[in-house]
Protein backbone atom coordinates (compact mmCIF):
# COMPACT_ATOMS: atom_id res chain seq x y z
CA UNK A 1 102.02 289.57 14.73
CA UNK A 2 99.73 292.12 16.92
CA UNK A 3 98.82 293.55 14.16
CA UNK A 4 96.78 290.76 12.63
CA UNK A 5 95.35 288.64 15.18
CA UNK A 6 93.39 286.72 12.87
CA UNK A 7 96.41 285.96 10.58
CA UNK A 8 98.46 284.99 13.77
CA UNK A 9 95.82 282.59 14.81
CA UNK A 10 95.44 281.21 11.62
CA UNK A 11 98.86 280.45 11.61
CA UNK A 12 99.34 279.00 14.85
CA UNK A 13 96.52 276.74 13.86
CA UNK A 14 97.94 275.79 10.67
CA UNK A 15 101.21 274.57 12.53
CA UNK A 16 99.43 272.65 14.95
CA UNK A 17 97.16 270.87 12.26
CA UNK A 18 100.32 270.01 10.73
CA UNK A 19 101.82 268.86 13.73
CA UNK A 20 98.90 266.91 14.78
CA UNK A 21 98.63 265.13 11.34
CA UNK A 22 102.23 263.86 11.72
CA UNK A 23 102.07 262.93 15.25
CA UNK A 24 98.55 261.23 15.09
CA UNK A 25 98.91 259.81 11.59
CA UNK A 26 96.11 260.89 9.09
CA UNK A 27 94.28 257.85 8.16
CA UNK A 28 96.64 256.54 5.52
CA UNK A 29 99.63 256.89 7.34
CA UNK A 30 100.51 255.99 11.09
CA UNK A 31 101.59 258.77 13.49
CA UNK A 32 105.15 259.49 14.46
CA UNK A 33 106.89 259.53 17.65
CA UNK A 34 107.12 263.18 18.76
CA UNK A 35 110.95 262.80 18.81
CA UNK A 36 110.86 262.04 15.33
CA UNK A 37 108.95 265.18 14.01
CA UNK A 38 110.99 267.85 13.00
CA UNK A 39 110.31 271.53 12.80
CA UNK A 40 111.10 271.19 8.91
CA UNK A 41 108.30 268.46 8.39
CA UNK A 42 105.98 270.53 10.22
CA UNK A 43 106.56 273.82 8.52
CA UNK A 44 106.83 271.85 5.01
CA UNK A 45 103.19 270.40 5.82
CA UNK A 46 101.76 273.67 6.74
CA UNK A 47 103.23 275.81 3.94
CA UNK A 48 105.48 277.87 6.25
CA UNK A 49 109.32 278.42 6.55
CA UNK A 50 111.18 277.32 9.80
CA UNK A 51 111.51 280.92 11.24
CA UNK A 52 107.69 281.14 11.14
CA UNK A 53 107.33 277.91 13.48
CA UNK A 54 109.74 279.51 16.04
CA UNK A 55 107.59 282.88 16.31
CA UNK A 56 104.94 280.52 17.70
CA UNK A 57 106.64 277.60 19.20
CA UNK A 58 110.26 277.04 20.92
CA UNK A 59 110.22 273.50 19.65
CA UNK A 60 107.97 270.48 18.95
CA UNK A 61 107.75 269.42 22.79
CA UNK A 62 106.27 272.94 23.34
CA UNK A 63 103.85 272.70 20.57
CA UNK A 64 102.81 269.14 22.06
CA UNK A 65 102.72 270.53 25.42
CA UNK A 66 100.23 273.35 24.38
CA UNK A 67 98.00 270.85 22.86
CA UNK A 68 97.96 268.47 25.79
CA UNK A 69 97.29 271.81 28.27
CA UNK A 70 94.44 272.75 26.27
CA UNK A 71 92.73 269.19 26.33
CA UNK A 72 93.55 269.00 30.08
CA UNK A 73 91.95 272.36 30.59
CA UNK A 74 88.82 271.01 29.86
CA UNK A 75 89.29 268.24 32.33
CA UNK A 76 90.26 270.69 34.92
CA UNK A 77 87.19 272.82 34.67
CA UNK A 78 84.81 269.64 34.94
CA UNK A 79 86.48 268.31 38.04
CA UNK A 80 86.85 271.74 39.81
CA UNK A 81 83.23 272.38 39.17
CA UNK A 82 82.33 268.87 40.32
CA UNK A 83 84.40 269.50 43.50
CA UNK A 84 82.40 272.55 44.34
CA UNK A 85 79.23 271.16 44.38
CA UNK A 86 78.39 269.49 47.57
CA UNK A 87 76.42 266.23 47.67
CA UNK A 88 76.62 262.53 47.73
CA UNK A 89 78.25 260.26 45.35
CA UNK A 90 76.50 259.92 42.07
CA UNK A 91 79.01 257.89 39.95
CA UNK A 92 76.91 257.89 36.89
CA UNK A 93 76.90 261.63 36.65
CA UNK A 94 80.42 262.27 37.31
CA UNK A 95 81.45 259.67 34.96
CA UNK A 96 79.13 261.00 32.48
CA UNK A 97 81.02 264.55 32.80
CA UNK A 98 84.78 263.10 32.48
CA UNK A 99 83.56 261.00 29.46
CA UNK A 100 82.25 264.08 27.92
CA UNK A 101 84.95 265.82 28.50
CA UNK A 102 87.23 263.03 26.72
CA UNK A 103 84.66 262.97 23.89
CA UNK A 104 84.85 266.73 23.33
CA UNK A 105 88.51 266.50 23.25
CA UNK A 106 88.29 263.03 21.60
CA UNK A 107 90.79 263.94 18.48
CA UNK A 108 93.45 264.53 21.02
CA UNK A 109 92.59 262.17 24.00
CA UNK A 110 92.47 258.92 21.55
CA UNK A 111 96.00 259.68 20.70
CA UNK A 112 97.41 261.06 23.88
CA UNK A 113 95.59 258.30 25.89
CA UNK A 114 96.23 255.46 23.62
CA UNK A 115 98.98 252.67 23.47
CA UNK A 116 101.09 255.15 21.62
CA UNK A 117 100.38 258.15 23.46
CA UNK A 118 101.97 260.51 26.14
CA UNK A 119 102.51 258.60 29.55
CA UNK A 120 103.06 262.04 31.09
CA UNK A 121 99.46 263.30 29.79
CA UNK A 122 97.92 260.32 31.32
CA UNK A 123 99.42 260.83 34.49
CA UNK A 124 98.47 264.56 34.54
CA UNK A 125 94.94 263.52 33.74
CA UNK A 126 94.82 261.10 36.81
CA UNK A 127 96.01 263.86 39.13
CA UNK A 128 93.39 266.27 37.80
CA UNK A 129 90.86 263.54 38.47
CA UNK A 130 92.15 262.20 41.60
CA UNK A 131 90.33 264.52 43.88
CA UNK A 132 86.90 263.09 42.54
CA UNK A 133 88.10 259.86 43.12
CA UNK A 134 89.25 260.52 46.93
CA UNK A 135 86.12 262.19 47.65
CA UNK A 136 83.35 259.90 46.19
CA UNK A 137 85.01 256.63 45.83
CA UNK A 138 87.40 256.26 48.52
CA UNK A 139 86.49 258.61 51.32
CA UNK A 140 84.54 257.46 54.21
CA UNK A 141 85.81 253.86 53.94
CA UNK A 142 88.02 254.30 56.99
CA UNK A 143 90.94 253.30 55.17
CA UNK A 144 94.47 254.24 56.41
CA UNK A 145 96.75 256.34 53.99
CA UNK A 146 98.21 253.32 52.29
CA UNK A 147 94.91 251.50 51.55
CA UNK A 148 93.38 254.66 50.60
CA UNK A 149 96.31 255.74 48.17
CA UNK A 150 95.97 252.00 46.63
CA UNK A 151 92.31 251.88 46.10
CA UNK A 152 92.37 255.56 44.72
CA UNK A 153 95.16 254.25 42.31
CA UNK A 154 92.95 251.02 41.41
CA UNK A 155 89.95 253.10 40.38
CA UNK A 156 92.06 256.02 38.63
CA UNK A 157 93.91 253.68 36.65
CA UNK A 158 90.54 251.65 35.62
CA UNK A 159 88.88 255.00 34.57
CA UNK A 160 91.84 256.10 32.53
CA UNK A 161 91.98 252.90 30.91
CA UNK A 162 88.48 252.19 29.93
CA UNK A 163 87.98 255.95 28.83
CA UNK A 164 91.17 255.49 26.73
CA UNK A 165 90.10 252.34 25.34
CA UNK A 166 86.50 253.85 24.75
CA UNK A 167 87.85 257.05 22.91
CA UNK A 168 90.13 255.32 20.68
CA UNK A 169 88.20 252.03 19.75
CA UNK A 170 84.66 252.61 20.43
CA UNK A 171 83.93 256.23 19.93
CA UNK A 172 80.59 255.26 18.45
CA UNK A 173 79.52 253.57 21.48
CA UNK A 174 76.96 256.11 23.31
CA UNK A 175 78.44 257.47 26.81
CA UNK A 176 75.38 256.17 28.49
CA UNK A 177 76.17 252.53 27.41
CA UNK A 178 79.64 253.14 28.67
CA UNK A 179 78.59 254.40 32.17
CA UNK A 180 76.16 251.51 32.44
CA UNK A 181 78.64 248.94 31.63
CA UNK A 182 81.09 250.27 34.39
CA UNK A 183 78.37 250.71 36.91
CA UNK A 184 76.81 247.40 36.58
CA UNK A 185 80.03 245.46 36.40
CA UNK A 186 82.33 247.48 38.79
CA UNK A 187 80.39 249.46 41.41
């Protein structure tokens, strides 16, 4: 594998694409739950044998985990950058950055945050975004720990739900329109 990094990456990408086509569906067929996707189905679709799959991934769950980690990595970077910058709440700017992050990985976010997605993915995304909500939406309100936690969960659940619905059902809606809707209606 080390002698031909381009071939290695193409093979890994082909296996990921084959898995994703089975998991998310391909437009003509609905996606399958991860527990119903076999290594054989992935390798048959990608044109490789099972041994090739195991050179890159331990199992189907590891492959899904790598896709999720990649999608979440961008969100972590965005949130880390926002947390490092001092300043007042600018909900529109912060929400735009989160929505843009989801849009960049919309192919994955739409499935992973959708009705048949992975609840662990949504929970991890909430954990990543939580510091922003605590700092900009909940902080400074003089709430006790329980009140702050509940209000934070309210905002996080709403943000995750609206971004998930937007990315999976209304991806043609401009981000600015989405943010405007939320800002006018909720804040």
